[in-house]
Amino acid sequence: SGDVDLAAEAIRLTRQLAAQFQHEEVAGLLALM
């Protein structure tokens, strides 16, 4: 929503995090994104 396009990079990193951690909130954040 801002002036800098970082959304795809944030999704990429959250995918990596979800692959490393079986964590409900990691999954929740990835789903939200």
Full PDB file with SEQRES, HELIX, SHEET, SSBOND, CRYST1, ORIGX, SCALE, CONECT and MASTER records, all heavy atoms in Angstrom:
SEQRES   1 A   33  SER GLY ASP VAL ASP LEU ALA ALA GLU ALA ILE ARG LEU          
SEQRES   2 A   33  THR ARG GLN LEU ALA ALA GLN PHE GLN HIS GLU GLU VAL          
SEQRES   3 A   33  ALA GLY LEU LEU ALA LEU MET                                  
HELIX    1 AA1 ALA A    7  GLN A   20  1                                  14    
HELIX    2 AA2 GLU A   24  LEU A   32  1                                   9    
CRYST1    1.000    1.000    1.000  90.00  90.00  90.00 P 1           1          
ORIGX1      1.000000  0.000000  0.000000        0.00000                         
ORIGX2      0.000000  1.000000  0.000000        0.00000                         
ORIGX3      0.000000  0.000000  1.000000        0.00000                         
SCALE1      1.000000  0.000000  0.000000        0.00000                         
SCALE2      0.000000  1.000000  0.000000        0.00000                         
SCALE3      0.000000  0.000000  1.000000        0.00000                         
ATOM      1  N   SER A   1       0.799  -1.224   0.000  1.00  0.00           N  
ATOM      2  CA  SER A   1       0.000   0.000   0.000  1.00  0.00           C  
ATOM      3  C   SER A   1       0.829   1.271   0.000  1.00  0.00           C  
ATOM      4  O   SER A   1       0.291   2.354  -0.065  1.00  0.00           O  
ATOM      5  CB  SER A   1      -0.919   0.020   1.232  1.00  0.00           C  
ATOM      6  OG  SER A   1      -0.152  -0.002   2.423  1.00  0.00           O  
ATOM      7  N   GLY A   2       2.150   1.164   0.103  1.00  0.00           N  
ATOM      8  CA  GLY A   2       2.972   2.359   0.201  1.00  0.00           C  
ATOM      9  C   GLY A   2       3.643   2.713  -1.101  1.00  0.00           C  
ATOM     10  O   GLY A   2       3.193   2.378  -2.193  1.00  0.00           O  
ATOM     11  N   ASP A   3       4.767   3.415  -0.990  1.00  0.00           N  
ATOM     12  CA  ASP A   3       5.460   3.939  -2.160  1.00  0.00           C  
ATOM     13  C   ASP A   3       6.588   3.036  -2.644  1.00  0.00           C  
ATOM     14  O   ASP A   3       7.203   3.297  -3.668  1.00  0.00           O  
ATOM     15  CB  ASP A   3       6.035   5.324  -1.834  1.00  0.00           C  
ATOM     16  CG  ASP A   3       4.943   6.293  -1.434  1.00  0.00           C  
ATOM     17  OD1 ASP A   3       3.866   6.226  -2.053  1.00  0.00           O  
ATOM     18  OD2 ASP A   3       5.154   7.100  -0.523  1.00  0.00           O  
ATOM     19  N   VAL A   4       6.900   1.973  -1.903  1.00  0.00           N  
ATOM     20  CA  VAL A   4       7.992   1.074  -2.266  1.00  0.00           C  
ATOM     21  C   VAL A   4       7.425  -0.329  -2.455  1.00  0.00           C  
ATOM     22  O   VAL A   4       6.665  -0.820  -1.628  1.00  0.00           O  
ATOM     23  CB  VAL A   4       9.069   1.055  -1.155  1.00  0.00           C  
ATOM     24  CG1 VAL A   4      10.202   0.123  -1.540  1.00  0.00           C  
ATOM     25  CG2 VAL A   4       9.589   2.464  -0.896  1.00  0.00           C  
ATOM     26  N   ASP A   5       7.791  -0.988  -3.556  1.00  0.00           N  
ATOM     27  CA  ASP A   5       7.241  -2.305  -3.851  1.00  0.00           C  
ATOM     28  C   ASP A   5       8.101  -3.387  -3.205  1.00  0.00           C  
ATOM     29  O   ASP A   5       9.115  -3.797  -3.747  1.00  0.00           O  
ATOM     30  CB  ASP A   5       7.172  -2.511  -5.361  1.00  0.00           C  
ATOM     31  CG  ASP A   5       6.448  -3.806  -5.717  1.00  0.00           C  
ATOM     32  OD1 ASP A   5       6.055  -4.529  -4.781  1.00  0.00           O  
ATOM     33  OD2 ASP A   5       6.274  -4.078  -6.906  1.00  0.00           O  
ATOM     34  N   LEU A   6       7.671  -3.844  -2.042  1.00  0.00           N  
ATOM     35  CA  LEU A   6       8.396  -4.882  -1.323  1.00  0.00           C  
ATOM     36  C   LEU A   6       7.520  -6.114  -1.083  1.00  0.00           C  
ATOM     37  O   LEU A   6       7.943  -7.050  -0.409  1.00  0.00           O  
ATOM     38  CB  LEU A   6       8.881  -4.347   0.029  1.00  0.00           C  
ATOM     39  CG  LEU A   6       9.898  -3.206  -0.003  1.00  0.00           C  
ATOM     40  CD1 LEU A   6      10.087  -2.636   1.379  1.00  0.00           C  
ATOM     41  CD2 LEU A   6      11.218  -3.692  -0.556  1.00  0.00           C  
ATOM     42  N   ALA A   7       6.293  -6.108  -1.617  1.00  0.00           N  
ATOM     43  CA  ALA A   7       5.342  -7.160  -1.275  1.00  0.00           C  
ATOM     44  C   ALA A   7       5.820  -8.535  -1.723  1.00  0.00           C  
ATOM     45  O   ALA A   7       5.747  -9.507  -0.954  1.00  0.00           O  
ATOM     46  CB  ALA A   7       3.976  -6.841  -1.881  1.00  0.00           C  
ATOM     47  N   ALA A   8       6.292  -8.657  -2.969  1.00  0.00           N  
ATOM     48  CA  ALA A   8       6.721  -9.972  -3.469  1.00  0.00           C  
ATOM     49  C   ALA A   8       7.909 -10.503  -2.672  1.00  0.00           C  
ATOM     50  O   ALA A   8       8.005 -11.704  -2.402  1.00  0.00           O  
ATOM     51  CB  ALA A   8       7.075  -9.883  -4.953  1.00  0.00           C  
ATOM     52  N   GLU A   9       8.820  -9.606  -2.279  1.00  0.00           N  
ATOM     53  CA  GLU A   9       9.969 -10.039  -1.476  1.00  0.00           C  
ATOM     54  C   GLU A   9       9.515 -10.527  -0.104  1.00  0.00           C  
ATOM     55  O   GLU A   9      10.018 -11.528   0.414  1.00  0.00           O  
ATOM     56  CB  GLU A   9      10.960  -8.881  -1.329  1.00  0.00           C  
ATOM     57  CG  GLU A   9      12.103  -9.124  -0.359  1.00  0.00           C  
ATOM     58  CD  GLU A   9      13.132 -10.115  -0.861  1.00  0.00           C  
ATOM     59  OE1 GLU A   9      12.908 -10.759  -1.913  1.00  0.00           O  
ATOM     60  OE2 GLU A   9      14.175 -10.267  -0.202  1.00  0.00           O  
ATOM     61  N   ALA A  10       8.540  -9.845   0.504  1.00  0.00           N  
ATOM     62  CA  ALA A  10       8.027 -10.284   1.802  1.00  0.00           C  
ATOM     63  C   ALA A  10       7.373 -11.658   1.693  1.00  0.00           C  
ATOM     64  O   ALA A  10       7.534 -12.513   2.572  1.00  0.00           O  
ATOM     65  CB  ALA A  10       7.032  -9.258   2.348  1.00  0.00           C  
ATOM     66  N   ILE A  11       6.629 -11.888   0.614  1.00  0.00           N  
ATOM     67  CA  ILE A  11       6.001 -13.200   0.407  1.00  0.00           C  
ATOM     68  C   ILE A  11       7.069 -14.274   0.227  1.00  0.00           C  
ATOM     69  O   ILE A  11       6.983 -15.375   0.789  1.00  0.00           O  
ATOM     70  CB  ILE A  11       5.050 -13.156  -0.801  1.00  0.00           C  
ATOM     71  CG1 ILE A  11       3.833 -12.291  -0.480  1.00  0.00           C  
ATOM     72  CG2 ILE A  11       4.605 -14.567  -1.194  1.00  0.00           C  
ATOM     73  CD1 ILE A  11       2.909 -12.064  -1.658  1.00  0.00           C  
ATOM     74  N   ARG A  12       8.091 -13.966  -0.549  1.00  0.00           N  
ATOM     75  CA  ARG A  12       9.174 -14.933  -0.776  1.00  0.00           C  
ATOM     76  C   ARG A  12       9.811 -15.365   0.539  1.00  0.00           C  
ATOM     77  O   ARG A  12      10.014 -16.561   0.794  1.00  0.00           O  
ATOM     78  CB  ARG A  12      10.225 -14.311  -1.696  1.00  0.00           C  
ATOM     79  CG  ARG A  12      11.352 -15.248  -2.077  1.00  0.00           C  
ATOM     80  CD  ARG A  12      12.352 -14.532  -2.969  1.00  0.00           C  
ATOM     81  NE  ARG A  12      13.181 -13.601  -2.229  1.00  0.00           N  
ATOM     82  CZ  ARG A  12      14.317 -13.934  -1.620  1.00  0.00           C  
ATOM     83  NH1 ARG A  12      14.736 -15.186  -1.641  1.00  0.00           N  
ATOM     84  NH2 ARG A  12      15.025 -13.028  -0.982  1.00  0.00           N  
ATOM     85  N   LEU A  13      10.099 -14.390   1.392  1.00  0.00           N  
ATOM     86  CA  LEU A  13      10.747 -14.707   2.659  1.00  0.00           C  
ATOM     87  C   LEU A  13       9.806 -15.447   3.606  1.00  0.00           C  
ATOM     88  O   LEU A  13      10.231 -16.343   4.355  1.00  0.00           O  
ATOM     89  CB  LEU A  13      11.254 -13.417   3.309  1.00  0.00           C  
ATOM     90  CG  LEU A  13      12.389 -12.718   2.557  1.00  0.00           C  
ATOM     91  CD1 LEU A  13      12.693 -11.368   3.189  1.00  0.00           C  
ATOM     92  CD2 LEU A  13      13.642 -13.577   2.529  1.00  0.00           C  
ATOM     93  N   THR A  14       8.531 -15.097   3.572  1.00  0.00           N  
ATOM     94  CA  THR A  14       7.569 -15.787   4.437  1.00  0.00           C  
ATOM     95  C   THR A  14       7.377 -17.227   3.982  1.00  0.00           C  
ATOM     96  O   THR A  14       7.173 -18.130   4.798  1.00  0.00           O  
ATOM     97  CB  THR A  14       6.228 -15.035   4.464  1.00  0.00           C  
ATOM     98  OG1 THR A  14       6.472 -13.661   4.810  1.00  0.00           O  
ATOM     99  CG2 THR A  14       5.286 -15.628   5.501  1.00  0.00           C  
ATOM    100  N   ARG A  15       7.457 -17.477   2.675  1.00  0.00           N  
ATOM    101  CA  ARG A  15       7.416 -18.862   2.188  1.00  0.00           C  
ATOM    102  C   ARG A  15       8.608 -19.648   2.753  1.00  0.00           C  
ATOM    103  O   ARG A  15       8.462 -20.800   3.175  1.00  0.00           O  
ATOM    104  CB  ARG A  15       7.458 -18.884   0.661  1.00  0.00           C  
ATOM    105  CG  ARG A  15       6.158 -18.504  -0.031  1.00  0.00           C  
ATOM    106  CD  ARG A  15       6.270 -18.791  -1.524  1.00  0.00           C  
ATOM    107  NE  ARG A  15       5.114 -18.358  -2.278  1.00  0.00           N  
ATOM    108  CZ  ARG A  15       3.975 -19.029  -2.372  1.00  0.00           C  
ATOM    109  NH1 ARG A  15       3.841 -20.166  -1.709  1.00  0.00           N  
ATOM    110  NH2 ARG A  15       2.976 -18.573  -3.104  1.00  0.00           N  
ATOM    111  N   GLN A  16       9.771 -19.026   2.735  1.00  0.00           N  
ATOM    112  CA  GLN A  16      10.957 -19.695   3.285  1.00  0.00           C  
ATOM    113  C   GLN A  16      10.752 -19.995   4.771  1.00  0.00           C  
ATOM    114  O   GLN A  16      11.098 -21.081   5.256  1.00  0.00           O  
ATOM    115  CB  GLN A  16      12.188 -18.819   3.096  1.00  0.00           C  
ATOM    116  CG  GLN A  16      12.654 -18.681   1.663  1.00  0.00           C  
ATOM    117  CD  GLN A  16      13.941 -17.881   1.552  1.00  0.00           C  
ATOM    118  OE1 GLN A  16      14.563 -17.552   2.556  1.00  0.00           O  
ATOM    119  NE2 GLN A  16      14.331 -17.572   0.323  1.00  0.00           N  
ATOM    120  N   LEU A  17      10.190 -19.031   5.482  1.00  0.00           N  
ATOM    121  CA  LEU A  17       9.966 -19.216   6.912  1.00  0.00           C  
ATOM    122  C   LEU A  17       8.970 -20.346   7.161  1.00  0.00           C  
ATOM    123  O   LEU A  17       9.163 -21.180   8.060  1.00  0.00           O  
ATOM    124  CB  LEU A  17       9.443 -17.906   7.514  1.00  0.00           C  
ATOM    125  CG  LEU A  17       9.474 -17.775   9.031  1.00  0.00           C  
ATOM    126  CD1 LEU A  17      10.901 -17.868   9.558  1.00  0.00           C  
ATOM    127  CD2 LEU A  17       8.850 -16.445   9.458  1.00  0.00           C  
ATOM    128  N   ALA A  18       7.912 -20.405   6.348  1.00  0.00           N  
ATOM    129  CA  ALA A  18       6.913 -21.458   6.496  1.00  0.00           C  
ATOM    130  C   ALA A  18       7.500 -22.830   6.198  1.00  0.00           C  
ATOM    131  O   ALA A  18       7.082 -23.840   6.783  1.00  0.00           O  
ATOM    132  CB  ALA A  18       5.727 -21.177   5.579  1.00  0.00           C  
ATOM    133  N   ALA A  19       8.485 -22.884   5.285  1.00  0.00           N  
ATOM    134  CA  ALA A  19       9.129 -24.161   4.970  1.00  0.00           C  
ATOM    135  C   ALA A  19      10.011 -24.644   6.110  1.00  0.00           C  
ATOM    136  O   ALA A  19      10.266 -25.845   6.243  1.00  0.00           O  
ATOM    137  CB  ALA A  19       9.952 -24.022   3.688  1.00  0.00           C  
ATOM    138  N   GLN A  20      10.467 -23.712   6.960  1.00  0.00           N  
ATOM    139  CA  GLN A  20      11.374 -24.059   8.054  1.00  0.00           C  
ATOM    140  C   GLN A  20      10.659 -24.289   9.377  1.00  0.00           C  
ATOM    141  O   GLN A  20      11.168 -24.994  10.240  1.00  0.00           O  
ATOM    142  CB  GLN A  20      12.409 -22.944   8.233  1.00  0.00           C  
ATOM    143  CG  GLN A  20      13.332 -22.741   7.040  1.00  0.00           C  
ATOM    144  CD  GLN A  20      14.287 -21.584   7.251  1.00  0.00           C  
ATOM    145  OE1 GLN A  20      14.707 -21.309   8.370  1.00  0.00           O  
ATOM    146  NE2 GLN A  20      14.631 -20.889   6.170  1.00  0.00           N  
ATOM    147  N   PHE A  21       9.470 -23.673   9.560  1.00  0.00           N  
ATOM    148  CA  PHE A  21       8.778 -23.738  10.845  1.00  0.00           C  
ATOM    149  C   PHE A  21       7.333 -24.186  10.642  1.00  0.00           C  
ATOM    150  O   PHE A  21       6.601 -23.602   9.846  1.00  0.00           O  
ATOM    151  CB  PHE A  21       8.767 -22.363  11.524  1.00  0.00           C  
ATOM    152  CG  PHE A  21      10.115 -21.871  11.967  1.00  0.00           C  
ATOM    153  CD1 PHE A  21      10.896 -21.103  11.110  1.00  0.00           C  
ATOM    154  CD2 PHE A  21      10.607 -22.163  13.234  1.00  0.00           C  
ATOM    155  CE1 PHE A  21      12.137 -20.646  11.503  1.00  0.00           C  
ATOM    156  CE2 PHE A  21      11.848 -21.706  13.640  1.00  0.00           C  
ATOM    157  CZ  PHE A  21      12.617 -20.954  12.767  1.00  0.00           C  
ATOM    158  N   GLN A  22       6.924 -25.210  11.384  1.00  0.00           N  
ATOM    159  CA  GLN A  22       5.515 -25.596  11.431  1.00  0.00           C  
ATOM    160  C   GLN A  22       4.851 -24.753  12.517  1.00  0.00           C  
ATOM    161  O   GLN A  22       4.654 -25.201  13.642  1.00  0.00           O  
ATOM    162  CB  GLN A  22       5.387 -27.096  11.723  1.00  0.00           C  
ATOM    163  CG  GLN A  22       5.889 -27.987  10.612  1.00  0.00           C  
ATOM    164  CD  GLN A  22       5.119 -27.774   9.321  1.00  0.00           C  
ATOM    165  OE1 GLN A  22       3.894 -27.777   9.309  1.00  0.00           O  
ATOM    166  NE2 GLN A  22       5.841 -27.581   8.215  1.00  0.00           N  
ATOM    167  N   HIS A  23       4.534 -23.523  12.166  1.00  0.00           N  
ATOM    168  CA  HIS A  23       4.068 -22.532  13.124  1.00  0.00           C  
ATOM    169  C   HIS A  23       2.769 -21.938  12.591  1.00  0.00           C  
ATOM    170  O   HIS A  23       2.712 -21.451  11.463  1.00  0.00           O  
ATOM    171  CB  HIS A  23       5.148 -21.449  13.279  1.00  0.00           C  
ATOM    172  CG  HIS A  23       4.931 -20.492  14.401  1.00  0.00           C  
ATOM    173  ND1 HIS A  23       3.883 -19.607  14.445  1.00  0.00           N  
ATOM    174  CD2 HIS A  23       5.652 -20.258  15.528  1.00  0.00           C  
ATOM    175  CE1 HIS A  23       3.957 -18.874  15.543  1.00  0.00           C  
ATOM    176  NE2 HIS A  23       5.013 -19.253  16.214  1.00  0.00           N  
ATOM    177  N   GLU A  24       1.710 -21.967  13.419  1.00  0.00           N  
ATOM    178  CA  GLU A  24       0.397 -21.528  12.959  1.00  0.00           C  
ATOM    179  C   GLU A  24       0.400 -20.072  12.488  1.00  0.00           C  
ATOM    180  O   GLU A  24      -0.243 -19.727  11.492  1.00  0.00           O  
ATOM    181  CB  GLU A  24      -0.643 -21.689  14.082  1.00  0.00           C  
ATOM    182  CG  GLU A  24      -0.921 -23.123  14.473  1.00  0.00           C  
ATOM    183  CD  GLU A  24       0.150 -23.694  15.392  1.00  0.00           C  
ATOM    184  OE1 GLU A  24       0.990 -22.916  15.887  1.00  0.00           O  
ATOM    185  OE2 GLU A  24       0.159 -24.934  15.598  1.00  0.00           O  
ATOM    186  N   GLU A  25       1.130 -19.222  13.183  1.00  0.00           N  
ATOM    187  CA  GLU A  25       1.123 -17.811  12.821  1.00  0.00           C  
ATOM    188  C   GLU A  25       1.980 -17.529  11.587  1.00  0.00           C  
ATOM    189  O   GLU A  25       1.703 -16.596  10.839  1.00  0.00           O  
ATOM    190  CB  GLU A  25       1.580 -16.942  13.996  1.00  0.00           C  
ATOM    191  CG  GLU A  25       0.485 -16.656  14.994  1.00  0.00           C  
ATOM    192  CD  GLU A  25      -0.601 -15.768  14.406  1.00  0.00           C  
ATOM    193  OE1 GLU A  25      -1.490 -16.302  13.720  1.00  0.00           O  
ATOM    194  OE2 GLU A  25      -0.557 -14.545  14.621  1.00  0.00           O  
ATOM    195  N   VAL A  26       3.012 -18.334  11.351  1.00  0.00           N  
ATOM    196  CA  VAL A  26       3.756 -18.206  10.094  1.00  0.00           C  
ATOM    197  C   VAL A  26       2.813 -18.529   8.936  1.00  0.00           C  
ATOM    198  O   VAL A  26       2.757 -17.807   7.931  1.00  0.00           O  
ATOM    199  CB  VAL A  26       4.984 -19.135  10.074  1.00  0.00           C  
ATOM    200  CG1 VAL A  26       5.656 -19.094   8.712  1.00  0.00           C  
ATOM    201  CG2 VAL A  26       5.974 -18.734  11.166  1.00  0.00           C  
ATOM    202  N   ALA A  27       2.061 -19.621   9.086  1.00  0.00           N  
ATOM    203  CA  ALA A  27       1.092 -19.991   8.055  1.00  0.00           C  
ATOM    204  C   ALA A  27       0.012 -18.920   7.915  1.00  0.00           C  
ATOM    205  O   ALA A  27      -0.407 -18.581   6.799  1.00  0.00           O  
ATOM    206  CB  ALA A  27       0.460 -21.336   8.401  1.00  0.00           C  
ATOM    207  N   GLY A  28      -0.423 -18.378   9.044  1.00  0.00           N  
ATOM    208  CA  GLY A  28      -1.446 -17.335   9.002  1.00  0.00           C  
ATOM    209  C   GLY A  28      -0.970 -16.104   8.258  1.00  0.00           C  
ATOM    210  O   GLY A  28      -1.709 -15.508   7.463  1.00  0.00           O  
ATOM    211  N   LEU A  29       0.275 -15.714   8.511  1.00  0.00           N  
ATOM    212  CA  LEU A  29       0.816 -14.539   7.820  1.00  0.00           C  
ATOM    213  C   LEU A  29       0.960 -14.810   6.332  1.00  0.00           C  
ATOM    214  O   LEU A  29       0.632 -13.951   5.502  1.00  0.00           O  
ATOM    215  CB  LEU A  29       2.162 -14.139   8.417  1.00  0.00           C  
ATOM    216  CG  LEU A  29       2.839 -12.937   7.743  1.00  0.00           C  
ATOM    217  CD1 LEU A  29       1.947 -11.697   7.797  1.00  0.00           C  
ATOM    218  CD2 LEU A  29       4.196 -12.647   8.386  1.00  0.00           C  
ATOM    219  N   LEU A  30       1.456 -15.987   5.969  1.00  0.00           N  
ATOM    220  CA  LEU A  30       1.596 -16.306   4.548  1.00  0.00           C  
ATOM    221  C   LEU A  30       0.232 -16.296   3.861  1.00  0.00           C  
ATOM    222  O   LEU A  30       0.082 -15.746   2.757  1.00  0.00           O  
ATOM    223  CB  LEU A  30       2.265 -17.678   4.373  1.00  0.00           C  
ATOM    224  CG  LEU A  30       2.453 -18.151   2.930  1.00  0.00           C  
ATOM    225  CD1 LEU A  30       3.245 -17.134   2.114  1.00  0.00           C  
ATOM    226  CD2 LEU A  30       3.142 -19.517   2.908  1.00  0.00           C  
ATOM    227  N   ALA A  31      -0.773 -16.877   4.505  1.00  0.00           N  
ATOM    228  CA  ALA A  31      -2.126 -16.871   3.935  1.00  0.00           C  
ATOM    229  C   ALA A  31      -2.636 -15.439   3.769  1.00  0.00           C  
ATOM    230  O   ALA A  31      -3.216 -15.091   2.727  1.00  0.00           O  
ATOM    231  CB  ALA A  31      -3.072 -17.671   4.830  1.00  0.00           C  
ATOM    232  N   LEU A  32      -2.415 -14.612   4.775  1.00  0.00           N  
ATOM    233  CA  LEU A  32      -2.857 -13.218   4.714  1.00  0.00           C  
ATOM    234  C   LEU A  32      -2.208 -12.492   3.539  1.00  0.00           C  
ATOM    235  O   LEU A  32      -2.873 -11.779   2.779  1.00  0.00           O  
ATOM    236  CB  LEU A  32      -2.512 -12.521   6.032  1.00  0.00           C  
ATOM    237  CG  LEU A  32      -2.810 -11.021   6.117  1.00  0.00           C  
ATOM    238  CD1 LEU A  32      -4.299 -10.751   5.979  1.00  0.00           C  
ATOM    239  CD2 LEU A  32      -2.284 -10.452   7.438  1.00  0.00           C  
ATOM    240  N   MET A  33      -0.898 -12.670   3.397  1.00  0.00           N  
ATOM    241  CA  MET A  33      -0.189 -12.015   2.289  1.00  0.00           C  
ATOM    242  C   MET A  33      -0.730 -12.463   0.938  1.00  0.00           C  
ATOM    243  O   MET A  33      -0.976 -11.648   0.038  1.00  0.00           O  
ATOM    244  CB  MET A  33       1.309 -12.324   2.376  1.00  0.00           C  
ATOM    245  CG  MET A  33       2.036 -11.635   3.518  1.00  0.00           C  
ATOM    246  SD  MET A  33       3.776 -12.140   3.514  1.00  0.00           S  
ATOM    247  CE  MET A  33       4.438 -11.076   4.798  1.00  0.00           C  
TER     248      MET A  33                                                      
MASTER        0    0    0    2    0    0    0    6  247    1    0    3          
END                                                                             
